[in-house]
Protein backbone atom coordinates (compact mmCIF):
# COMPACT_ATOMS: atom_id res chain seq x y z
CA ARG A 1 9.21 -7.81 14.60
CA LEU A 2 11.96 -10.26 15.49
CA GLU A 3 14.14 -7.61 17.13
CA MET A 4 11.36 -6.64 19.53
CA ARG A 5 10.77 -10.27 20.59
CA ASN A 6 13.98 -10.13 22.65
CA PHE A 7 12.39 -7.35 24.73
CA GLY A 8 9.17 -9.30 25.34
CA VAL A 9 7.22 -7.27 22.80
CA LYS A 10 4.95 -9.16 20.38
CA VAL A 11 4.66 -7.34 17.04
CA CYS A 12 1.92 -8.19 14.56
CA VAL A 13 2.16 -6.94 11.01
CA ILE A 14 -1.08 -5.85 9.33
CA GLU A 15 -0.71 -5.70 5.55
CA PRO A 16 -3.84 -4.16 4.06
CA GLY A 17 -4.62 -4.00 0.38
CA TYR A 18 -5.98 -0.82 -1.15
CA PHE A 19 -8.85 0.83 0.73
CA LYS A 20 -10.78 4.04 0.09
CA THR A 21 -9.31 6.54 2.55
CA MET A 22 -8.06 10.11 2.41
CA ILE A 23 -4.57 8.71 1.86
CA THR A 24 -5.66 6.98 -1.36
CA ASN A 25 -7.95 9.78 -2.57
CA VAL A 26 -6.86 10.40 -6.17
CA GLU A 27 -7.78 14.11 -6.17
CA ASN A 28 -5.59 14.75 -3.13
CA LEU A 29 -2.77 12.64 -4.51
CA GLU A 30 -2.92 14.34 -7.89
CA LYS A 31 -2.82 17.78 -6.27
CA ASN A 32 0.20 16.76 -4.16
CA PHE A 33 2.00 15.19 -7.13
CA HIS A 34 1.52 18.32 -9.25
CA SER A 35 2.70 20.49 -6.36
CA SER A 36 5.83 18.34 -5.94
CA TRP A 37 6.38 18.28 -9.71
CA LYS A 38 6.45 22.07 -9.86
CA LYS A 39 9.21 22.15 -7.21
CA LEU A 40 11.47 19.66 -9.02
CA PRO A 41 14.59 20.88 -10.81
CA GLU A 42 14.20 21.04 -14.59
CA GLU A 43 16.82 18.32 -15.01
CA ILE A 44 14.71 15.81 -13.10
CA LYS A 45 11.53 16.86 -14.90
CA ALA A 46 13.31 16.29 -18.20
CA SER A 47 14.54 12.85 -17.08
CA TYR A 48 11.02 11.67 -16.25
CA GLY A 49 9.09 13.70 -18.79
CA GLU A 50 5.63 15.23 -18.46
CA SER A 51 4.04 12.01 -19.71
CA TYR A 52 5.31 10.13 -16.65
CA LEU A 53 3.18 12.24 -14.32
CA ARG A 54 0.10 12.01 -16.57
CA GLN A 55 0.41 8.22 -16.92
CA PHE A 56 0.92 7.78 -13.17
CA VAL A 57 -2.20 9.80 -12.33
CA ALA A 58 -4.18 7.92 -14.99
CA MET A 59 -3.09 4.61 -13.46
CA LEU A 60 -4.21 5.81 -10.01
CA LYS A 61 -7.64 6.70 -11.39
CA VAL A 62 -8.02 3.21 -12.84
CA MET A 63 -6.82 1.55 -9.64
CA GLN A 64 -9.17 3.65 -7.50
CA LYS A 65 -12.13 1.75 -8.95
CA THR A 66 -10.88 -1.43 -7.25
CA TYR A 67 -10.29 0.11 -3.80
CA ASN A 68 -12.28 -1.50 -1.01
CA SER A 69 -14.53 0.75 1.07
CA ASN A 70 -15.09 -1.77 3.88
CA LEU A 71 -12.51 -0.57 6.41
CA SER A 72 -13.82 -3.04 8.99
CA LEU A 73 -11.65 -5.65 7.27
CA VAL A 74 -8.61 -3.75 8.54
CA THR A 75 -10.01 -2.82 11.94
CA ASN A 76 -11.07 -6.44 12.52
CA CYS A 77 -7.44 -7.48 11.98
CA MET A 78 -6.34 -4.79 14.45
CA GLU A 79 -8.90 -5.95 17.01
CA HIS A 80 -7.83 -9.57 16.69
CA ALA A 81 -4.15 -8.68 16.98
CA LEU A 82 -4.80 -6.63 20.13
CA THR A 83 -7.25 -8.90 21.94
CA SER A 84 -6.34 -12.44 20.90
CA LEU A 85 -4.52 -14.68 23.35
CA HIS A 86 -2.37 -15.94 20.47
CA PRO A 87 -2.33 -13.27 17.73
CA ARG A 88 -0.93 -14.09 14.32
CA SER A 89 2.39 -12.69 13.17
CA ARG A 90 0.87 -11.33 9.97
CA TYR A 91 -2.59 -10.25 8.92
CA SER A 92 -3.70 -9.53 5.35
CA ALA A 93 -6.79 -7.36 4.96
CA GLY A 94 -8.65 -7.19 1.67
CA TRP A 95 -8.93 -9.49 -1.32
CA ASP A 96 -6.03 -7.84 -3.14
CA ALA A 97 -3.68 -8.39 -0.21
CA LYS A 98 -4.68 -12.05 0.11
CA LEU A 99 -4.91 -13.00 -3.56
CA LEU A 100 -2.36 -10.72 -5.19
CA TYR A 101 0.28 -9.22 -2.91
CA LEU A 102 0.77 -12.15 -0.53
CA PRO A 103 1.38 -14.72 -3.31
CA ILE A 104 3.64 -12.29 -5.18
CA SER A 105 5.77 -11.89 -2.05
CA TYR A 106 6.72 -15.59 -2.29
CA LEU A 107 7.87 -15.37 -5.91
CA PRO A 108 11.48 -14.77 -6.95
CA SER A 109 12.26 -11.06 -7.15
CA ALA A 110 12.79 -11.08 -10.92
CA LEU A 111 9.33 -12.56 -11.49
CA SER A 112 7.56 -10.31 -8.96
CA ASP A 113 9.29 -7.27 -10.49
CA ALA A 114 7.98 -8.26 -13.91
CA LEU A 115 4.44 -8.58 -12.55
C-alpha cells in the first residue's frame, strides 16, 4: 500500500471475516485436503498424523456455522473504496473481522499466537 503511494496509486485494504462462499465451502475444502493428503510423502503424513487432518476438517465444520452469508458487507466496502472521494486505508467487513481479528492484530505476537 505504501509502496504504491509513490506512484500516485491509492491502495485500500479490505479485510473480510469469514463469509459463506465457494472458497469456504467445507465439502470442497475437505475434498481438496484429502486429495492433497494422498499426494504427500509418507514421512510428512507420519509427522502430522492422520488425526491432524480429521481434527482440522472437524474444526472447519464447526467454524462454518459462524460464517456470514451477507456478502453485501464486503461489496459495500468495495463500493465505498472505489467511489469515495476520500476512501479509508483499511476496511473490515463482518463482525468477526471487526470484533475479533482487528483487535487481535494490535496485541503482542506472543499473546495473539496463544489466542
